[in-house]
Amino acid sequence: MLGSGDDAVSCIACGTDVPREDAREYDKHGDRWDRDGKRFEYLCKPCFRELAKQPRRGLEASLEAAGA
């Protein structure tokens, strides 16, 4: 179900509250098109622009192997 866009969301990077329509969805699994059973987090537009948009496949396994 889609929201009205009027809801305020909080940016996970800077904590700023912005209207949902002024935010970008962030999916920590890297697949925002598969929406079933997910709860999205949000980034304000300035933080989204600074986000590195690199592939994430295998990233978590690499971080765990490195002890992160």
N, C-alpha and C. Protein backbone atom coordinates (compact mmCIF):
# COMPACT_ATOMS: atom_id res chain seq x y z
N MET A 1 0.85 -1.17 0.00
CA MET A 1 0.00 0.00 0.00
C MET A 1 0.89 1.24 0.00
N LEU A 2 0.58 2.17 -0.85
CA LEU A 2 1.35 3.39 -0.93
C LEU A 2 0.77 4.43 0.01
N GLY A 3 1.67 5.22 0.62
CA GLY A 3 1.22 6.28 1.50
C GLY A 3 0.80 7.50 0.71
N SER A 4 0.32 8.48 1.41
CA SER A 4 -0.16 9.69 0.76
C SER A 4 0.98 10.63 0.38
N GLY A 5 2.17 10.41 0.94
CA GLY A 5 3.28 11.30 0.68
C GLY A 5 3.32 12.48 1.63
N ASP A 6 2.29 12.62 2.46
CA ASP A 6 2.22 13.73 3.40
C ASP A 6 2.91 13.42 4.72
N ASP A 7 3.24 12.17 4.94
CA ASP A 7 3.86 11.77 6.20
C ASP A 7 5.29 12.28 6.29
N ALA A 8 5.71 12.67 7.48
CA ALA A 8 7.09 13.08 7.69
C ALA A 8 7.93 11.84 8.00
N VAL A 9 9.14 11.82 7.48
CA VAL A 9 10.08 10.74 7.75
C VAL A 9 11.38 11.35 8.24
N SER A 10 12.18 10.54 8.89
CA SER A 10 13.45 11.01 9.45
C SER A 10 14.60 10.44 8.62
N CYS A 11 15.52 11.29 8.22
CA CYS A 11 16.69 10.87 7.45
C CYS A 11 17.61 10.04 8.35
N ILE A 12 17.99 8.82 7.90
CA ILE A 12 18.84 7.96 8.72
C ILE A 12 20.28 8.46 8.79
N ALA A 13 20.66 9.37 7.90
CA ALA A 13 22.03 9.87 7.90
C ALA A 13 22.21 11.10 8.79
N CYS A 14 21.29 12.06 8.69
CA CYS A 14 21.48 13.31 9.42
C CYS A 14 20.41 13.58 10.48
N GLY A 15 19.33 12.78 10.47
CA GLY A 15 18.28 12.94 11.47
C GLY A 15 17.25 14.01 11.18
N THR A 16 17.37 14.69 10.05
CA THR A 16 16.41 15.73 9.69
C THR A 16 15.06 15.11 9.37
N ASP A 17 13.99 15.72 9.87
CA ASP A 17 12.63 15.30 9.50
C ASP A 17 12.23 16.04 8.24
N VAL A 18 11.80 15.29 7.23
CA VAL A 18 11.39 15.87 5.96
C VAL A 18 10.07 15.22 5.53
N PRO A 19 9.28 15.92 4.71
CA PRO A 19 8.08 15.29 4.17
C PRO A 19 8.47 14.06 3.35
N ARG A 20 7.68 13.02 3.40
CA ARG A 20 7.98 11.78 2.69
C ARG A 20 8.26 12.05 1.21
N GLU A 21 7.50 12.97 0.60
CA GLU A 21 7.69 13.26 -0.82
C GLU A 21 9.05 13.91 -1.11
N ASP A 22 9.72 14.46 -0.10
CA ASP A 22 11.03 15.07 -0.26
C ASP A 22 12.16 14.15 0.18
N ALA A 23 11.86 12.88 0.38
CA ALA A 23 12.87 11.91 0.83
C ALA A 23 13.05 10.82 -0.22
N ARG A 24 14.12 10.07 -0.08
CA ARG A 24 14.39 8.93 -0.95
C ARG A 24 14.42 7.67 -0.11
N GLU A 25 13.83 6.60 -0.64
CA GLU A 25 13.83 5.32 0.07
C GLU A 25 15.23 4.73 0.07
N TYR A 26 15.58 4.11 1.18
CA TYR A 26 16.85 3.39 1.29
C TYR A 26 16.52 1.97 1.72
N ASP A 27 17.01 1.00 0.96
CA ASP A 27 16.82 -0.41 1.28
C ASP A 27 18.18 -1.00 1.58
N LYS A 28 18.41 -1.40 2.82
CA LYS A 28 19.73 -1.90 3.22
C LYS A 28 20.10 -3.18 2.49
N HIS A 29 19.13 -3.84 1.86
CA HIS A 29 19.42 -5.05 1.09
C HIS A 29 19.73 -4.72 -0.37
N GLY A 30 19.58 -3.47 -0.75
CA GLY A 30 19.94 -3.04 -2.10
C GLY A 30 18.92 -3.39 -3.17
N ASP A 31 17.71 -3.75 -2.78
CA ASP A 31 16.69 -4.13 -3.76
C ASP A 31 15.37 -3.45 -3.40
N ARG A 32 15.25 -2.19 -3.69
CA ARG A 32 14.04 -1.46 -3.30
C ARG A 32 12.84 -1.81 -4.16
N TRP A 33 13.03 -2.57 -5.24
CA TRP A 33 11.91 -2.93 -6.11
C TRP A 33 11.13 -4.11 -5.55
N ASP A 34 11.77 -4.95 -4.74
CA ASP A 34 11.08 -6.07 -4.09
C ASP A 34 10.54 -5.53 -2.77
N ARG A 35 9.26 -5.18 -2.73
CA ARG A 35 8.69 -4.46 -1.60
C ARG A 35 8.00 -5.34 -0.58
N ASP A 36 7.76 -6.61 -0.89
CA ASP A 36 7.00 -7.49 0.00
C ASP A 36 7.68 -7.66 1.35
N GLY A 37 6.95 -7.35 2.42
CA GLY A 37 7.41 -7.56 3.78
C GLY A 37 8.53 -6.65 4.24
N LYS A 38 8.80 -5.58 3.51
CA LYS A 38 9.89 -4.69 3.88
C LYS A 38 9.38 -3.40 4.51
N ARG A 39 10.21 -2.86 5.36
CA ARG A 39 9.97 -1.53 5.92
C ARG A 39 11.19 -0.70 5.53
N PHE A 40 10.96 0.35 4.77
CA PHE A 40 12.06 1.14 4.25
C PHE A 40 12.51 2.23 5.22
N GLU A 41 13.77 2.59 5.10
CA GLU A 41 14.31 3.75 5.80
C GLU A 41 14.43 4.85 4.75
N TYR A 42 14.70 6.06 5.18
CA TYR A 42 14.70 7.19 4.25
C TYR A 42 15.92 8.07 4.42
N LEU A 43 16.30 8.70 3.32
CA LEU A 43 17.37 9.69 3.29
C LEU A 43 16.79 10.98 2.73
N CYS A 44 17.21 12.12 3.30
CA CYS A 44 16.83 13.40 2.69
C CYS A 44 17.59 13.51 1.37
N LYS A 45 17.14 14.37 0.49
CA LYS A 45 17.76 14.47 -0.84
C LYS A 45 19.25 14.83 -0.79
N PRO A 46 19.69 15.78 0.07
CA PRO A 46 21.13 16.08 0.12
C PRO A 46 21.97 14.86 0.55
N CYS A 47 21.50 14.11 1.54
CA CYS A 47 22.25 12.92 1.97
C CYS A 47 22.22 11.83 0.90
N PHE A 48 21.09 11.70 0.20
CA PHE A 48 20.98 10.71 -0.87
C PHE A 48 21.98 11.00 -1.97
N ARG A 49 22.17 12.29 -2.30
CA ARG A 49 23.12 12.66 -3.35
C ARG A 49 24.55 12.26 -2.98
N GLU A 50 24.86 12.27 -1.69
CA GLU A 50 26.21 11.93 -1.23
C GLU A 50 26.42 10.43 -1.06
N LEU A 51 25.36 9.65 -1.16
CA LEU A 51 25.42 8.21 -0.97
C LEU A 51 26.16 7.54 -2.12
N ALA A 52 27.11 6.67 -1.80
CA ALA A 52 27.80 5.89 -2.83
C ALA A 52 26.82 4.83 -3.33
N LYS A 53 26.59 4.79 -4.61
CA LYS A 53 25.62 3.85 -5.18
C LYS A 53 26.34 2.70 -5.86
N GLN A 54 27.08 1.93 -5.07
CA GLN A 54 27.84 0.79 -5.57
C GLN A 54 27.07 -0.50 -5.30
N PRO A 55 27.32 -1.54 -6.10
CA PRO A 55 26.66 -2.83 -5.85
C PRO A 55 26.99 -3.36 -4.46
N ARG A 56 26.02 -4.01 -3.83
CA ARG A 56 26.20 -4.50 -2.46
C ARG A 56 26.35 -6.02 -2.38
N ARG A 57 26.19 -6.72 -3.49
CA ARG A 57 26.24 -8.18 -3.47
C ARG A 57 27.56 -8.65 -2.85
N GLY A 58 27.47 -9.42 -1.79
CA GLY A 58 28.65 -9.94 -1.12
C GLY A 58 29.27 -9.00 -0.10
N LEU A 59 28.75 -7.79 0.02
CA LEU A 59 29.33 -6.81 0.93
C LEU A 59 29.25 -7.26 2.38
N GLU A 60 28.09 -7.74 2.81
CA GLU A 60 27.94 -8.14 4.21
C GLU A 60 28.89 -9.28 4.57
N ALA A 61 29.03 -10.26 3.69
CA ALA A 61 29.95 -11.38 3.94
C ALA A 61 31.39 -10.87 4.04
N SER A 62 31.75 -9.93 3.19
CA SER A 62 33.10 -9.35 3.23
C SER A 62 33.33 -8.59 4.53
N LEU A 63 32.34 -7.84 4.98
CA LEU A 63 32.47 -7.10 6.24
C LEU A 63 32.59 -8.05 7.42
N GLU A 64 31.80 -9.11 7.43
CA GLU A 64 31.89 -10.09 8.52
C GLU A 64 33.24 -10.78 8.52
N ALA A 65 33.74 -11.12 7.35
CA ALA A 65 35.06 -11.77 7.25
C ALA A 65 36.17 -10.85 7.75
N ALA A 66 35.96 -9.54 7.58
CA ALA A 66 36.95 -8.57 8.03
C ALA A 66 36.80 -8.23 9.51
N GLY A 67 35.76 -8.77 10.15
CA GLY A 67 35.56 -8.52 11.57
C GLY A 67 34.81 -7.24 11.86
N ALA A 68 34.18 -6.68 10.86
CA ALA A 68 33.43 -5.43 11.06
C ALA A 68 32.09 -5.68 11.71
